[in-house]
Protein backbone atom coordinates (compact mmCIF):
# COMPACT_ATOMS: atom_id res chain seq x y z
CA MET A 1 -33.26 -56.85 49.67
CA GLN A 2 -32.55 -53.15 49.16
CA GLU A 3 -35.08 -50.59 50.11
CA PRO A 4 -36.66 -48.76 47.15
CA GLY A 5 -35.54 -45.40 48.48
CA THR A 6 -31.90 -46.45 48.68
CA ALA A 7 -31.88 -47.75 45.11
CA TYR A 8 -33.49 -44.55 43.87
CA GLN A 9 -30.91 -42.42 45.62
CA ARG A 10 -28.06 -44.41 44.08
CA PHE A 11 -29.64 -44.11 40.64
CA ARG A 12 -30.07 -40.39 41.09
CA GLY A 13 -26.41 -40.06 42.16
CA VAL A 14 -25.17 -41.99 39.14
CA ALA A 15 -27.42 -40.03 36.83
CA GLY A 16 -26.20 -36.79 38.33
CA GLU A 17 -22.57 -37.73 37.84
CA GLY A 18 -23.33 -38.71 34.25
CA ALA A 19 -25.06 -35.41 33.61
CA ILE A 20 -22.13 -33.48 35.04
CA GLY A 21 -19.72 -35.48 32.89
CA ALA A 22 -21.83 -34.85 29.81
CA LEU A 23 -21.93 -31.14 30.56
CA CYS A 24 -18.13 -31.08 30.91
CA VAL A 25 -17.67 -32.84 27.56
CA LEU A 26 -20.19 -30.51 25.90
CA SER A 27 -18.45 -27.45 27.34
CA ALA A 28 -15.07 -28.69 26.08
CA LEU A 29 -16.51 -29.27 22.61
CA MET A 30 -18.00 -25.77 22.59
CA LEU A 31 -14.65 -24.26 23.56
CA LEU A 32 -12.91 -26.22 20.82
CA THR A 33 -15.52 -25.10 18.30
CA ILE A 34 -15.14 -21.48 19.32
CA GLY A 35 -11.36 -21.79 19.07
CA CYS A 36 -11.62 -23.31 15.59
CA THR A 37 -14.02 -20.67 14.32
CA THR A 38 -12.17 -17.67 15.74
CA PRO A 39 -10.77 -15.80 12.72
CA ALA A 40 -7.03 -15.51 12.44
CA PRO A 41 -5.60 -12.04 13.08
CA PRO A 42 -5.16 -10.00 9.89
CA PRO A 43 -1.68 -10.01 8.35
CA PRO A 44 0.49 -6.98 9.08
CA PRO A 45 0.38 -4.25 6.42
CA PRO A 46 3.19 -4.33 3.86
CA ALA A 47 6.25 -2.26 4.56
CA VAL A 48 6.00 0.56 2.07
CA VAL A 49 9.18 2.44 1.32
CA GLY A 50 8.87 6.11 0.41
CA TYR A 51 10.36 8.02 -2.50
CA LEU A 52 13.92 7.10 -3.46
CA VAL A 53 16.10 9.72 -5.12
CA GLY A 54 17.68 9.05 -8.50
CA ALA A 55 19.71 10.87 -11.15
CA PRO A 56 19.07 13.52 -12.45
CA ASP A 57 16.70 14.60 -9.65
CA VAL A 58 17.04 18.13 -8.27
CA LEU A 59 17.13 18.45 -4.47
CA LEU A 60 16.61 21.53 -2.31
CA ILE A 61 18.88 21.50 0.75
CA HIS A 62 17.80 23.81 3.58
CA VAL A 63 20.05 24.27 6.63
CA LEU A 64 19.12 26.13 9.82
CA PRO A 65 19.78 28.10 12.06
CA GLU A 66 21.02 31.50 10.91
CA PRO A 67 22.75 32.12 8.66
CA VAL A 68 20.42 29.96 6.58
CA ILE A 69 21.99 27.85 3.85
CA GLU A 70 19.72 26.98 0.94
CA ARG A 71 20.96 25.27 -2.21
CA GLU A 72 19.50 23.39 -5.15
CA VAL A 73 21.67 20.52 -6.33
CA ARG A 74 21.21 18.03 -9.14
CA VAL A 75 22.03 14.37 -8.61
CA ARG A 76 24.94 13.50 -10.88
CA PRO A 77 25.07 10.40 -13.12
CA ASP A 78 27.25 8.72 -10.47
CA GLY A 79 24.38 9.16 -7.99
CA LYS A 80 26.15 11.73 -5.80
CA ILE A 81 25.61 15.39 -4.89
CA SER A 82 28.04 18.06 -3.74
CA VAL A 83 27.17 19.91 -0.52
CA ASP A 84 28.89 23.00 0.90
CA LEU A 85 31.12 22.23 3.91
CA VAL A 86 30.47 18.51 3.45
CA GLY A 87 31.61 17.44 0.00
CA ASP A 88 30.19 14.54 -2.00
CA ILE A 89 27.32 12.45 -0.58
CA GLN A 90 25.60 9.45 -2.11
CA ALA A 91 22.02 10.44 -2.95
CA ALA A 92 20.70 7.96 -5.54
CA GLY A 93 18.73 5.08 -4.10
CA ARG A 94 18.13 6.83 -0.77
CA ALA A 95 15.15 8.60 0.79
CA PRO A 96 15.42 12.41 1.22
CA ILE A 97 15.19 12.04 5.02
CA ASP A 98 18.24 9.74 5.02
CA ILE A 99 20.22 12.17 2.89
CA ALA A 100 19.27 15.01 5.25
CA ALA A 101 20.39 12.98 8.27
CA GLU A 102 23.85 12.38 6.80
CA ILE A 103 24.26 16.02 5.79
CA GLN A 104 23.20 17.10 9.28
CA THR A 105 25.74 14.79 10.90
CA GLU A 106 28.57 16.08 8.72
CA ILE A 107 27.66 19.76 8.82
CA SER A 108 27.24 19.78 12.62
CA ARG A 109 31.03 19.83 12.87
CA PHE A 110 30.98 23.36 11.42
CA LYS A 111 27.51 24.65 12.36
CA ARG A 112 26.17 24.10 15.89
CA ASP A 113 22.61 22.81 16.32
CA ALA A 114 22.27 22.37 12.58
CA ALA A 115 18.86 21.23 11.29
CA VAL A 116 18.80 19.99 7.70
CA ASN A 117 15.83 19.39 5.44
CA VAL A 118 16.05 17.86 1.95
CA THR A 119 13.17 18.21 -0.51
CA VAL A 120 12.82 16.79 -4.02
CA VAL A 121 12.19 19.72 -6.37
CA GLU A 122 12.36 17.84 -9.68
CA SER A 123 12.35 14.11 -10.30
CA PRO A 124 12.76 13.44 -14.04
CA SER A 125 14.21 10.03 -13.17
CA GLN A 126 10.84 8.78 -11.93
CA PHE A 127 7.86 7.49 -13.93
CA VAL A 128 4.57 5.93 -12.86
CA THR A 129 1.90 4.16 -14.92
CA ILE A 130 -1.83 4.28 -14.17
CA TYR A 131 -4.37 2.07 -15.94
CA GLY A 132 -8.06 1.40 -15.62
CA GLU A 133 -11.01 3.53 -14.61
CA VAL A 134 -9.25 6.91 -14.77
CA GLN A 135 -9.83 9.77 -17.16
CA GLN A 136 -6.45 9.67 -18.93
CA PRO A 137 -4.66 6.34 -18.33
CA GLY A 138 -0.98 6.16 -19.24
CA THR A 139 2.58 6.80 -18.07
CA PHE A 140 3.80 10.16 -16.80
CA PRO A 141 6.92 11.52 -15.05
CA LEU A 142 6.98 12.44 -11.39
CA ASN A 143 8.12 16.01 -10.82
CA SER A 144 8.51 15.60 -7.07
CA GLU A 145 7.38 13.40 -4.20
CA THR A 146 3.92 12.27 -5.25
CA ARG A 147 1.32 10.31 -3.31
CA ILE A 148 -1.32 7.95 -4.68
CA SER A 149 -4.11 10.54 -4.61
CA GLU A 150 -1.92 13.10 -6.36
CA ALA A 151 -0.85 10.61 -9.04
CA ILE A 152 -4.45 9.67 -9.83
CA GLY A 153 -5.32 13.35 -9.88
CA ARG A 154 -2.59 13.89 -12.49
CA VAL A 155 -4.50 11.60 -14.89
CA GLY A 156 -7.81 13.37 -14.38
CA GLY A 157 -9.08 11.41 -11.40
CA PRO A 158 -11.22 8.27 -11.25
CA ARG A 159 -14.14 7.64 -13.60
CA PRO A 160 -17.69 7.21 -12.25
CA PHE A 161 -17.53 3.40 -12.36
CA ALA A 162 -14.18 3.06 -10.57
CA SER A 163 -14.04 0.65 -7.64
CA LEU A 164 -12.35 3.12 -5.33
CA ASN A 165 -11.46 0.79 -2.46
CA SER A 166 -10.09 -1.95 -4.74
CA VAL A 167 -7.19 0.00 -6.24
CA ARG A 168 -3.90 -1.91 -6.51
CA LEU A 169 -0.36 -0.55 -6.35
CA ILE A 170 2.00 -3.00 -8.08
CA ARG A 171 5.65 -2.52 -7.18
CA SER A 172 8.63 -4.50 -8.44
CA GLN A 173 11.64 -4.89 -6.17
CA GLY A 174 14.20 -6.96 -8.02
CA ALA A 175 12.71 -10.39 -8.70
CA LYS A 176 9.88 -9.78 -6.22
CA THR A 177 6.55 -8.18 -7.10
CA GLU A 178 4.57 -6.61 -4.28
CA ILE A 179 0.85 -5.86 -4.55
CA ILE A 180 -0.45 -3.25 -2.13
CA GLU A 181 -4.13 -2.56 -1.57
CA ILE A 182 -5.11 1.10 -1.83
CA GLU A 183 -8.41 2.38 -0.41
CA LEU A 184 -8.89 5.45 -2.58
CA GLY A 185 -12.44 5.99 -1.32
CA ASN A 186 -11.19 6.16 2.26
CA ILE A 187 -8.41 8.54 1.19
CA GLN A 188 -11.02 10.86 -0.31
CA ASN A 189 -12.86 10.74 3.02
CA GLY A 190 -9.79 11.76 5.00
CA ASP A 191 -8.22 8.41 5.91
CA LEU A 192 -4.68 8.77 4.53
CA SER A 193 -3.31 5.47 5.87
CA THR A 194 -2.93 4.02 2.35
CA ASN A 195 -2.02 7.26 0.59
CA TYR A 196 1.54 6.06 -0.03
CA ILE A 197 4.31 7.83 -1.90
CA VAL A 198 4.70 6.33 -5.38
CA ARG A 199 8.09 5.24 -6.69
CA GLN A 200 9.85 4.78 -10.00
CA GLY A 201 8.22 2.04 -12.08
CA ASP A 202 5.09 1.73 -9.93
CA LEU A 203 1.91 0.54 -11.64
CA ILE A 204 -1.44 1.72 -10.28
CA VAL A 205 -4.54 -0.19 -11.41
CA VAL A 206 -7.99 1.29 -10.81
CA PRO A 207 -10.49 -1.52 -11.55
CA PRO A 208 -14.15 -1.08 -12.50
CA THR A 209 -16.96 -1.96 -10.12
CA LEU A 210 -18.66 -5.35 -10.43
CA LEU A 211 -21.67 -3.71 -12.08
CA ALA A 212 -19.39 -2.01 -14.61
CA LYS A 213 -17.62 -5.30 -15.37
CA VAL A 214 -20.97 -6.93 -16.16
CA GLY A 215 -21.93 -3.99 -18.35
CA TYR A 216 -18.66 -4.13 -20.27
CA ALA A 217 -19.03 -7.89 -20.77
CA VAL A 218 -22.55 -7.44 -22.16
CA GLN A 219 -21.33 -4.66 -24.42
CA MET A 220 -18.57 -6.89 -25.76
CA LEU A 221 -21.11 -9.63 -26.54
CA LEU A 222 -23.57 -7.31 -28.25
CA PHE A 223 -21.05 -5.10 -30.03
CA PRO A 224 -17.83 -7.16 -30.38
CA LEU A 225 -16.31 -4.83 -32.99
CA GLN A 226 -17.08 -1.61 -31.11
CA PRO A 227 -14.29 -0.46 -28.76
CA ILE A 228 -15.33 0.20 -25.20
CA ILE A 229 -15.31 3.94 -24.84
CA SER A 230 -14.01 4.01 -21.31
CA GLY A 231 -11.04 1.78 -22.16
CA ALA A 232 -11.91 -0.38 -19.19
CA SER A 233 -11.51 -3.61 -21.12
CA SER A 234 -7.76 -3.28 -20.72
CA ALA A 235 -8.28 -2.42 -17.06
CA GLY A 236 -10.32 -5.57 -16.58
CA SER A 237 -7.64 -7.75 -18.12
CA ILE A 238 -4.91 -6.06 -16.10
CA TYR A 239 -6.90 -6.36 -12.88
CA SER A 240 -7.54 -10.03 -13.60
CA GLY A 241 -3.80 -10.52 -14.02
CA VAL A 242 -3.16 -8.70 -10.77
CA SER A 243 -5.57 -11.01 -8.97
CA ASN A 244 -3.81 -14.03 -10.41
CA VAL A 245 -0.41 -12.77 -9.30
CA ARG A 246 -1.73 -12.02 -5.82
CA ASP A 247 -3.30 -15.48 -5.52
CA ALA A 248 -0.06 -17.12 -6.63
CA GLN A 249 1.94 -15.40 -3.91
C-alpha cells in the first residue's frame, strides 16, 4: 500500500508536466496566430518613368565649361536631333537625361570635362487629359516637363469636393494599363514623393469625396433632368471604371 504523501507527489508531478505541456501548446498556437495575423509588407511602388521626348519637341542643349555652348534644337520627324561636334542623335522616345549623357560622351572627345544638360523647352507632341473634380476638365498640350501638381494647376486646380489623396494617374504602355495612386493632398503639404512627371497620353482622374458622391446621387434622383453643375457625374463614372480596372489587375 502506497503512502498518501507519495501518491500526492506523483500526482503533482504528472499535473505539473501536463501544465507545462499545455503551456507549450498554447504558446505555439499564439505564435502561429500572430504569424497569421501579421500584415503582409506593402507592395513596392510602381516604377514611374519620367518625360519622354517626341517630335516636334524643342530641346535646349547647354554645354559647359567655357566656352559655353547653348543651342535650341527641334526633334525632327525621324526622331533625331543634330548637335554641333556630334552629329545626329536619336532623341524621340528617350528621357532628356539620357540624351544629355550620350551627347556628353560624344562631345568629351573634343571638349575636356564637358558637362551637358538637356531641357525640354517646348513639347507640342505631348497631351494630357484631366477629368473629375477640377475647375476646367479636359485635354491640353504640355509645353515642357510637367508634374502632376502643375498639370492640375493648368486646369484651375481641384474643386472643393475633390478627394485629394485618391487621385489616379492612368498610363497606357502598349497593351498594359498602369494605375498609379497620387496623393495630391500630401503634395500640397510638401511631400513630393508622388508628384510624378506626366507623359503623353496620361489620364488624371480627380474623384469626388464620399460625401460629394452621395450628394450627387441624391441630386440625380431629385432632379434627373438637371445637369450636375460641377460635372462630377462623369468623374464618378470614370473613377468607377478606374476602380474596376484596378481590381481586375
